[in-house]
Structure formats: structure tokens, C-alpha cells
Amino acid sequence: MLTTSKSIAFLLSLAISLLVMAILSFLDGVSRQVVLTVGGISFVAIFILLYLTLEFLIFKEINNIYTVLDKIQKKDLHKAIKKSSKTSLFPLRKINKTINEYALAKNKEIETLQKNDTFRREFIADISHELKTPIFAAQGFVHTLLDGAVDDKNVRYKFLKRAARSLNTLEVLVQDLLTLNQMESGVVKFNFAEVDLREIVAENIEQLEQKALKRHVSIRFNYNEAKEHLVLADKDKISNAIQNLLANAIRYNHDGGEVVIKLKSTKKNVRVSVKDNGKGIPPEDLNRIFERFYRVEKSRSREKGGTGLGLAIVKHILEGHKSKISVTSAVGKGSLFTFSLAHSRIQSQAEAKSLKTQ
């Protein structure tokens, strides 16, 4: 009976009004009618005051706290946070706020753990599949040779060459994994120096020229000779990023296609863009292409080579340079990857200004 605000208010107001009536009855000159009238008014007034106080400032707030705790137990934290977001006019709001903050922190923690668990499971599945392919291929060629094919000189050479190619793929995959892991853990240090992006791009075009010729893919390099293309960057890592973008543009282009890499120098930075006219990337895949091992067409991508880690490495390299890579693509028309690096003089001026303010 005493678990509701109405019952408590009724008993307290009845007790107080009876006390008031008892006191008035002992006073001289106070009639019975006055005693009853004052008792009734005091009962009604006290009941309304106590009921409103208990219901809206205490019981309601306590119910909200219990609701939040119940939601936390059921791990329904989104609803718990929404329910406890209302402010209270009573000191209990501090408790409510504390519980709400706790629920919010736990919600973020649970979401992070869920994402990590999903990533872990997907990563183990992906890495197992990626490692299995070259290992099984090399294993098959070697066992074929051991079963007697080693006596045939032509077969021996062909199978050993294929086994070596599979092992080379495995080596590249492991190396890319180590590189990506070191970047994500912050082990890799960036050695910044003034570099000329024109030279880096030209070197990478030369290295990939034969790969492009095999598929009759032409590479065009556009830049303004009158402009400066000096940036503050880690030469090896930026070269690796540009090489990955160019290699992908060649690999996923159609035979006889074209790759255009362009440098555009502005007052503050140099913008690098790599464009191809290949098959393009579907809209639903654009947000995931920088994830480890994510491929738009998994089977065809494996046939074309690559580890599925190139764009993930590019992303981390550019993040280390305080830059971001963006991509636009249309199915059947090709893709465009762009990023920007600050001019070396802009970086030097910013560092000098920072030292003066310290």
C-alpha cells in the first residue's frame, strides 16, 4: 500500500490534518465547524502538495533511474540513454545524469568490442583464404613434381616457375601485412623531407611501364612545368602510395585503356589525381574499398594479382601525412582517386609560426 506516491501522500496529509484539528480543538473559542473546515482544507492542500512533490520530483525520477538500470542489464543502452536524457528539478538528477553517462560510456565500449570482434572474425577468415591460395598452389606443383613429373625437363621448369610465382605472391602478401600492421600500431616512423612529386611520379611510371604495355594501357602524366611541386613528405612511403594507385589503375583497367595521373599545384598544396577508364566501382562498394582484403570482384581480382591490401596501405600512408584520399567512380566509366599534400614552404612557415608562439 505504501509503494505509491498517492498512498503515502494520503496517509501523511491525513495525519497532519488530524494533528491540526487536535490542536485547534484544545483552543478556546474555536467551534467544531471551524475545526472540521480547517482540517478538511489542510488535508486537501497538504495532499495535493505532497502528491505532486512525491510523484513528479521523487517517484518519477526514481522510476527513470530503475528504467535506465533495467535497460543496462538488458544491454538495451540506446533506449536507456534516450530515456534518461530528460532533466530533473530535483537533486536526484545528479544520480540520473551519472547513470546516463555510465550507460553512454558502456554503450560506446560495447559497440567498440562488437566492431573489433566482427573485424577479428572477418580478418581471420580473409587472411586464411588469402594465405591458402598461394600455399596450396605451390604445394600442388611441388607434389606433382615429386610424384614423377620431375623427370620431364619441360614440365619441371614450368611447374617450378609456377610454384615460384605462388611463393612470390605469398611473400608480397606477408610483406604488405607486416607493413600495414606496423602502420596501424604506430611502429613505422615517417621521415619527412622536401621531395619533388614530379620525380616520384615519373619514377613510378617508368617502373610500371612494362606492366602497362602488356595490356596496351597508356599512361599520361599531366602537370604544369611552370609550377612548383615540392612537398614535405616521406619519399619512400609517398612513392609506395602512388605506385599502388597506378598499379590498381592499370590492373583494373580494360585492355587498351588509359591511365591519367595529374599534379595540380595551388598556393597551399599539390593535388594528386589518378584516373582510369576501366569498369569503375559500384556505389555500394565505395565505402569499403580501403578495408583490408576488400575486393569489388573477388574472383577476378585474385586472377589479376594484388593482395587486396594496397588501398588500405595507401590510406594509412596518407593519414601519416595528415591527408585523406577520396574516390569517385561510375560503373563503366572508371575511377578517380585524389589526395593533397601541403607545399614544403607552407609546412615550414607553419612550423616556424608554431615555434614563435611557444
Protein backbone atom coordinates (compact mmCIF):
# COMPACT_ATOMS: atom_id res chain seq x y z
CA MET A 1 0.00 0.00 0.00
CA LEU A 2 2.87 2.37 0.79
CA THR A 3 4.60 1.85 -2.53
CA THR A 4 2.79 4.62 -4.42
CA SER A 5 3.04 8.39 -4.12
CA LYS A 6 -0.75 8.71 -3.78
CA SER A 7 -1.00 6.35 -0.76
CA ILE A 8 1.94 8.00 1.01
CA ALA A 9 0.55 11.48 0.36
CA PHE A 10 -2.88 10.39 1.63
CA LEU A 11 -1.58 8.98 4.91
CA LEU A 12 0.76 11.91 5.60
CA SER A 13 -1.86 14.55 4.78
CA LEU A 14 -4.44 12.69 6.93
CA ALA A 15 -2.03 12.52 9.85
CA ILE A 16 -1.11 16.22 9.58
CA SER A 17 -4.72 17.36 9.22
CA LEU A 18 -5.76 15.27 12.26
CA LEU A 19 -2.90 16.82 14.23
CA VAL A 20 -4.02 20.31 13.21
CA MET A 21 -7.65 19.51 14.18
CA ALA A 22 -6.49 18.12 17.54
CA ILE A 23 -4.52 21.29 18.29
CA LEU A 24 -7.44 23.55 17.27
CA SER A 25 -9.90 21.58 19.43
CA PHE A 26 -7.90 22.49 22.56
CA LEU A 27 -8.05 26.19 21.80
CA ASP A 28 -10.79 28.26 23.47
CA GLY A 29 -13.37 29.89 21.25
CA VAL A 30 -12.84 27.60 18.25
CA SER A 31 -16.02 25.90 17.16
CA ARG A 32 -16.30 22.34 15.95
CA GLN A 33 -17.33 23.56 12.49
CA VAL A 34 -14.15 25.65 12.19
CA VAL A 35 -12.03 22.68 13.29
CA LEU A 36 -13.60 20.44 10.65
CA THR A 37 -13.30 23.12 7.96
CA VAL A 38 -9.62 23.81 8.70
CA GLY A 39 -8.95 20.07 8.91
CA GLY A 40 -10.56 19.46 5.52
CA ILE A 41 -8.75 22.36 3.82
CA SER A 42 -5.42 21.38 5.32
CA PHE A 43 -5.94 17.76 4.23
CA VAL A 44 -6.69 18.72 0.64
CA ALA A 45 -3.86 21.28 0.42
CA ILE A 46 -1.27 19.00 2.02
CA PHE A 47 -2.38 16.01 -0.06
CA ILE A 48 -2.02 17.93 -3.35
CA LEU A 49 1.38 19.35 -2.34
CA LEU A 50 2.76 16.02 -1.15
CA TYR A 51 1.37 14.10 -4.10
CA LEU A 52 2.88 16.45 -6.67
CA THR A 53 6.21 16.51 -4.84
CA LEU A 54 6.42 12.75 -4.43
CA GLU A 55 5.08 11.88 -7.87
CA PHE A 56 6.96 14.28 -10.11
CA LEU A 57 10.14 15.05 -8.16
CA ILE A 58 10.91 11.77 -6.44
CA PHE A 59 8.96 8.72 -7.66
CA LYS A 60 9.14 9.67 -11.34
CA GLU A 61 12.89 10.27 -11.13
CA ILE A 62 13.45 7.03 -9.24
CA ASN A 63 11.38 5.16 -11.84
CA ASN A 64 13.57 6.71 -14.56
CA ILE A 65 16.68 5.52 -12.73
CA TYR A 66 15.27 2.00 -12.40
CA THR A 67 14.31 2.07 -16.09
CA VAL A 68 17.87 3.03 -17.06
CA LEU A 69 19.32 0.29 -14.84
CA ASP A 70 16.90 -2.25 -16.32
CA LYS A 71 17.89 -1.25 -19.85
CA ILE A 72 21.58 -1.52 -18.93
CA GLN A 73 21.01 -5.05 -17.59
CA LYS A 74 19.23 -5.98 -20.82
CA LYS A 75 22.01 -4.28 -22.84
CA ASP A 76 19.42 -2.05 -24.47
CA LEU A 77 21.59 1.01 -23.94
CA HIS A 78 20.32 3.15 -26.81
CA LYS A 79 16.85 3.28 -25.27
CA ALA A 80 18.30 3.72 -21.80
CA ILE A 81 20.26 6.81 -22.84
CA LYS A 82 17.26 8.28 -24.62
CA LYS A 83 15.00 7.66 -21.62
CA SER A 84 17.38 9.23 -19.09
CA SER A 85 18.20 12.30 -21.14
CA LYS A 86 15.37 14.36 -19.56
CA THR A 87 16.44 16.87 -16.93
CA SER A 88 15.02 16.83 -13.39
CA LEU A 89 14.21 19.66 -11.00
CA PHE A 90 15.29 17.58 -8.01
CA PRO A 91 18.78 16.70 -6.67
CA LEU A 92 18.18 13.16 -7.94
CA ARG A 93 19.03 14.48 -11.42
CA LYS A 94 22.73 14.23 -10.48
CA ILE A 95 22.32 10.50 -9.91
CA ASN A 96 20.31 10.20 -13.11
CA LYS A 97 22.97 12.11 -15.04
CA THR A 98 25.74 9.92 -13.61
CA ILE A 99 23.89 6.76 -14.60
CA ASN A 100 23.19 8.20 -18.05
CA GLU A 101 26.90 8.98 -18.57
CA TYR A 102 27.78 5.48 -17.40
CA ALA A 103 25.28 3.99 -19.85
CA LEU A 104 26.71 6.10 -22.67
CA ALA A 105 30.27 5.03 -21.86
CA LYS A 106 29.24 1.38 -21.69
CA ASN A 107 27.36 1.71 -24.95
CA LYS A 108 30.47 3.03 -26.72
CA GLU A 109 32.57 0.30 -25.12
CA ILE A 110 30.17 -2.44 -26.23
CA GLU A 111 29.96 -1.04 -29.77
CA THR A 112 33.77 -0.93 -29.97
CA LEU A 113 34.05 -4.52 -28.73
CA GLN A 114 31.41 -5.67 -31.21
CA LYS A 115 33.19 -3.93 -34.10
CA ASN A 116 36.54 -5.40 -33.03
CA ASP A 117 35.03 -8.86 -32.75
CA THR A 118 33.46 -8.58 -36.21
CA PHE A 119 36.71 -7.27 -37.65
CA ARG A 120 38.69 -10.07 -35.98
CA ARG A 121 36.43 -12.78 -37.40
CA GLU A 122 36.43 -11.25 -40.88
CA PHE A 123 40.19 -10.73 -40.78
CA ILE A 124 40.92 -14.32 -39.74
CA ALA A 125 38.64 -15.60 -42.50
CA ASP A 126 40.21 -13.31 -45.09
CA ILE A 127 43.84 -13.95 -44.14
CA SER A 128 43.23 -17.71 -44.03
CA HIS A 129 41.79 -17.63 -47.55
CA GLU A 130 44.48 -15.31 -48.91
CA LEU A 131 47.32 -17.42 -47.48
CA LYS A 132 45.70 -20.69 -48.52
CA THR A 133 45.56 -19.80 -52.23
CA PRO A 134 49.32 -19.39 -52.95
CA ILE A 135 50.32 -22.10 -50.45
CA PHE A 136 48.02 -24.71 -52.00
CA ALA A 137 49.12 -23.71 -55.50
CA ALA A 138 52.84 -24.06 -54.70
CA GLN A 139 52.13 -27.27 -52.77
CA GLY A 140 50.29 -28.77 -55.74
CA PHE A 141 53.11 -28.01 -58.18
CA VAL A 142 55.78 -29.40 -55.84
CA HIS A 143 53.83 -32.61 -55.12
CA THR A 144 53.23 -33.10 -58.84
CA LEU A 145 56.97 -32.94 -59.40
CA LEU A 146 57.66 -35.34 -56.54
CA ASP A 147 55.15 -37.80 -57.97
CA GLY A 148 57.33 -38.25 -61.06
CA ALA A 149 56.95 -35.15 -63.21
CA VAL A 150 60.41 -34.00 -62.12
CA ASP A 151 61.96 -36.29 -64.74
CA ASP A 152 60.38 -34.30 -67.56
CA LYS A 153 62.59 -31.26 -68.08
CA ASN A 154 59.88 -29.09 -69.68
CA VAL A 155 57.26 -29.95 -67.07
CA ARG A 156 59.79 -29.50 -64.28
CA TYR A 157 60.73 -26.00 -65.40
CA LYS A 158 57.11 -24.95 -65.95
CA PHE A 159 55.91 -26.23 -62.56
CA LEU A 160 58.86 -24.80 -60.67
CA LYS A 161 58.22 -21.44 -62.31
CA ARG A 162 54.57 -21.55 -61.27
CA ALA A 163 55.49 -22.61 -57.72
CA ALA A 164 57.97 -19.72 -57.53
CA ARG A 165 55.28 -17.31 -58.73
CA SER A 166 52.92 -18.53 -55.99
CA LEU A 167 55.61 -18.15 -53.36
CA ASN A 168 56.39 -14.65 -54.61
CA THR A 169 52.71 -13.79 -54.20
CA LEU A 170 52.84 -15.18 -50.67
CA GLU A 171 55.94 -13.09 -49.90
CA VAL A 172 54.27 -9.90 -51.16
CA LEU A 173 51.15 -10.66 -49.12
CA VAL A 174 53.12 -11.22 -45.91
CA GLN A 175 55.19 -8.09 -46.53
CA ASP A 176 52.06 -6.00 -47.11
CA LEU A 177 50.52 -7.40 -43.93
CA LEU A 178 53.61 -6.52 -41.91
CA THR A 179 53.70 -3.02 -43.39
CA LEU A 180 50.01 -2.42 -42.69
CA ASN A 181 50.27 -3.79 -39.15
CA GLN A 182 53.28 -1.58 -38.38
CA MET A 183 51.47 1.49 -39.69
CA GLU A 184 48.32 0.79 -37.69
CA SER A 185 50.30 0.16 -34.50
CA GLY A 186 52.37 3.33 -34.98
CA VAL A 187 55.68 1.44 -35.18
CA VAL A 188 56.56 2.86 -38.60
CA LYS A 189 58.16 6.28 -38.39
CA PHE A 190 57.79 8.84 -41.15
CA ASN A 191 60.97 10.58 -42.29
CA PHE A 192 59.81 13.88 -43.73
CA ALA A 193 61.91 15.81 -46.20
CA GLU A 194 61.39 18.13 -49.15
CA VAL A 195 60.63 15.99 -52.22
CA ASP A 196 59.55 16.70 -55.78
CA LEU A 197 56.34 14.86 -56.64
CA ARG A 198 57.12 15.10 -60.37
CA GLU A 199 60.22 12.95 -59.90
CA ILE A 200 58.38 10.40 -57.74
CA VAL A 201 55.54 10.04 -60.25
CA ALA A 202 57.95 9.77 -63.20
CA GLU A 203 59.93 7.02 -61.43
CA ASN A 204 56.78 5.00 -60.73
CA ILE A 205 55.52 5.37 -64.29
CA GLU A 206 58.85 4.01 -65.52
CA GLN A 207 58.67 1.05 -63.13
CA LEU A 208 55.12 0.14 -64.21
CA GLU A 209 55.62 0.80 -67.91
CA GLN A 210 56.13 -2.85 -68.85
CA LYS A 211 53.06 -3.94 -66.91
CA ALA A 212 51.01 -1.33 -68.75
CA LEU A 213 52.44 -2.32 -72.17
CA LYS A 214 51.40 -5.95 -71.64
CA ARG A 215 47.77 -4.81 -71.51
CA HIS A 216 48.22 -1.97 -74.01
CA VAL A 217 47.31 0.57 -71.33
CA SER A 218 48.68 4.05 -71.94
CA ILE A 219 49.80 6.28 -69.06
CA ARG A 220 49.60 10.07 -69.35
CA PHE A 221 51.31 12.36 -66.87
CA ASN A 222 49.93 15.91 -66.76
CA TYR A 223 51.45 18.78 -64.79
CA ASN A 224 52.32 22.45 -65.19
CA GLU A 225 56.06 22.84 -65.72
CA ALA A 226 55.89 26.46 -64.55
CA LYS A 227 54.51 25.44 -61.15
CA GLU A 228 56.39 24.13 -58.12
CA HIS A 229 55.60 20.61 -56.92
CA LEU A 230 57.79 20.40 -53.84
CA VAL A 231 56.13 18.91 -50.75
CA LEU A 232 57.22 17.85 -47.28
CA ALA A 233 56.78 14.08 -47.24
CA ASP A 234 58.33 10.68 -46.66
CA LYS A 235 59.63 9.93 -50.15
CA ASP A 236 59.55 6.12 -49.91
CA LYS A 237 56.05 5.94 -48.45
CA ILE A 238 54.51 8.51 -50.81
CA SER A 239 56.16 6.65 -53.68
CA ASN A 240 54.59 3.43 -52.36
CA ALA A 241 51.15 5.10 -52.24
CA ILE A 242 51.43 6.45 -55.79
CA GLN A 243 52.71 3.09 -57.04
CA ASN A 244 49.73 1.30 -55.50
CA LEU A 245 47.27 3.72 -57.10
CA LEU A 246 48.93 3.46 -60.51
CA ALA A 247 49.19 -0.34 -60.31
CA ASN A 248 45.49 -0.61 -59.45
CA ALA A 249 44.56 1.77 -62.28
CA ILE A 250 46.45 -0.49 -64.72
CA ARG A 251 45.30 -3.79 -63.17
CA TYR A 252 41.59 -2.98 -63.11
CA ASN A 253 41.50 -1.13 -66.43
CA HIS A 254 40.40 -2.75 -69.65
CA ASP A 255 42.88 -3.76 -72.37
CA GLY A 256 43.81 -0.71 -74.41
CA GLY A 257 42.61 1.63 -71.67
CA GLU A 258 44.18 4.81 -70.38
CA VAL A 259 45.51 6.00 -67.03
CA VAL A 260 45.95 9.71 -66.36
CA ILE A 261 47.94 10.93 -63.38
CA LYS A 262 47.80 14.65 -62.79
CA LEU A 263 49.56 17.10 -60.47
CA LYS A 264 47.82 20.40 -59.77
CA SER A 265 49.75 22.94 -57.71
CA THR A 266 47.86 25.61 -55.75
CA LYS A 267 49.03 28.23 -53.26
CA LYS A 268 48.86 25.82 -50.33
CA ASN A 269 49.19 22.29 -51.66
CA VAL A 270 49.78 19.92 -54.53
CA ARG A 271 46.79 17.83 -55.57
CA VAL A 272 47.49 14.35 -56.97
CA SER A 273 44.85 12.55 -59.02
CA VAL A 274 44.94 9.12 -60.66
CA LYS A 275 42.18 8.41 -63.15
CA ASP A 276 41.40 5.33 -65.21
CA ASN A 277 38.64 4.48 -67.68
CA GLY A 278 38.06 0.92 -66.52
CA LYS A 279 34.93 -0.81 -65.23
CA GLY A 280 34.51 1.51 -62.24
CA ILE A 281 33.34 0.73 -58.73
CA PRO A 282 29.67 0.20 -57.76
CA PRO A 283 28.32 2.79 -55.26
CA GLU A 284 27.73 0.14 -52.57
CA ASP A 285 31.44 -0.77 -52.59
CA LEU A 286 32.94 2.74 -52.48
CA ASN A 287 32.88 2.99 -48.68
CA ARG A 288 34.68 -0.34 -48.22
CA ILE A 289 37.45 -0.38 -50.81
CA PHE A 290 40.00 0.90 -48.27
CA GLU A 291 39.38 -2.06 -45.94
CA ARG A 292 41.83 -4.94 -45.71
CA PHE A 293 41.30 -7.60 -48.39
CA TYR A 294 38.12 -5.98 -49.67
CA ARG A 295 37.70 -6.58 -53.39
CA VAL A 296 34.85 -5.47 -55.62
CA GLU A 297 35.08 -8.66 -57.70
CA LYS A 298 36.88 -11.15 -55.53
CA SER A 299 37.48 -13.94 -58.03
CA ARG A 300 38.56 -11.71 -60.93
CA SER A 301 40.72 -9.58 -58.62
CA ARG A 302 42.69 -12.60 -57.49
CA GLU A 303 43.27 -13.59 -61.10
CA LYS A 304 44.66 -10.12 -61.80
CA GLY A 305 47.06 -10.34 -58.85
CA GLY A 306 47.34 -8.00 -55.92
CA THR A 307 46.93 -8.73 -52.23
CA GLY A 308 43.84 -6.66 -51.50
CA LEU A 309 45.89 -4.55 -49.09
CA GLY A 310 47.14 -1.83 -51.44
CA LEU A 311 44.41 0.75 -50.81
CA ALA A 312 44.48 0.11 -47.06
CA ILE A 313 48.21 0.86 -47.10
CA VAL A 314 47.62 4.00 -49.20
CA LYS A 315 45.04 5.22 -46.69
CA HIS A 316 47.41 4.81 -43.72
CA ILE A 317 50.34 6.41 -45.56
CA LEU A 318 48.27 9.50 -46.33
CA GLU A 319 46.91 9.65 -42.78
CA GLY A 320 50.53 9.74 -41.64
CA HIS A 321 50.93 12.80 -43.89
CA LYS A 322 47.82 14.48 -42.39
CA SER A 323 45.95 13.91 -45.63
CA LYS A 324 43.00 11.86 -46.82
CA ILE A 325 42.30 10.03 -50.04
CA SER A 326 38.98 10.40 -51.81
CA VAL A 327 37.45 8.39 -54.62
CA THR A 328 34.73 8.99 -57.17
CA SER A 329 33.66 6.31 -59.60
CA ALA A 330 30.99 5.44 -62.13
CA VAL A 331 30.32 1.90 -63.32
CA GLY A 332 31.55 1.52 -66.89
CA LYS A 333 33.38 4.85 -66.89
CA GLY A 334 36.29 4.39 -64.49
CA SER A 335 37.52 5.72 -61.16
CA LEU A 336 39.30 8.80 -59.87
CA PHE A 337 41.48 8.77 -56.74
CA THR A 338 42.71 12.09 -55.33
CA PHE A 339 44.74 13.36 -52.38
CA SER A 340 46.64 16.53 -51.50
CA LEU A 341 49.97 17.29 -49.82
CA ALA A 342 50.97 20.68 -48.46
CA HIS A 343 53.77 22.61 -50.15
CA SER A 344 57.06 22.31 -48.26
CA ARG A 345 57.27 26.10 -47.85
CA ILE A 346 53.76 26.18 -46.33
CA GLN A 347 54.76 23.48 -43.85
CA SER A 348 57.98 25.32 -42.97
CA GLN A 349 56.11 28.58 -42.39
CA ALA A 350 53.55 26.82 -40.19
CA GLU A 351 56.29 25.17 -38.11
CA ALA A 352 58.15 28.49 -37.74
CA LYS A 353 54.93 30.19 -36.62
CA SER A 354 54.28 27.39 -34.15
CA LEU A 355 57.76 27.79 -32.63
CA LYS A 356 57.26 31.55 -32.20
CA THR A 357 54.02 31.07 -30.29
CA GLN A 358 55.57 28.56 -27.88
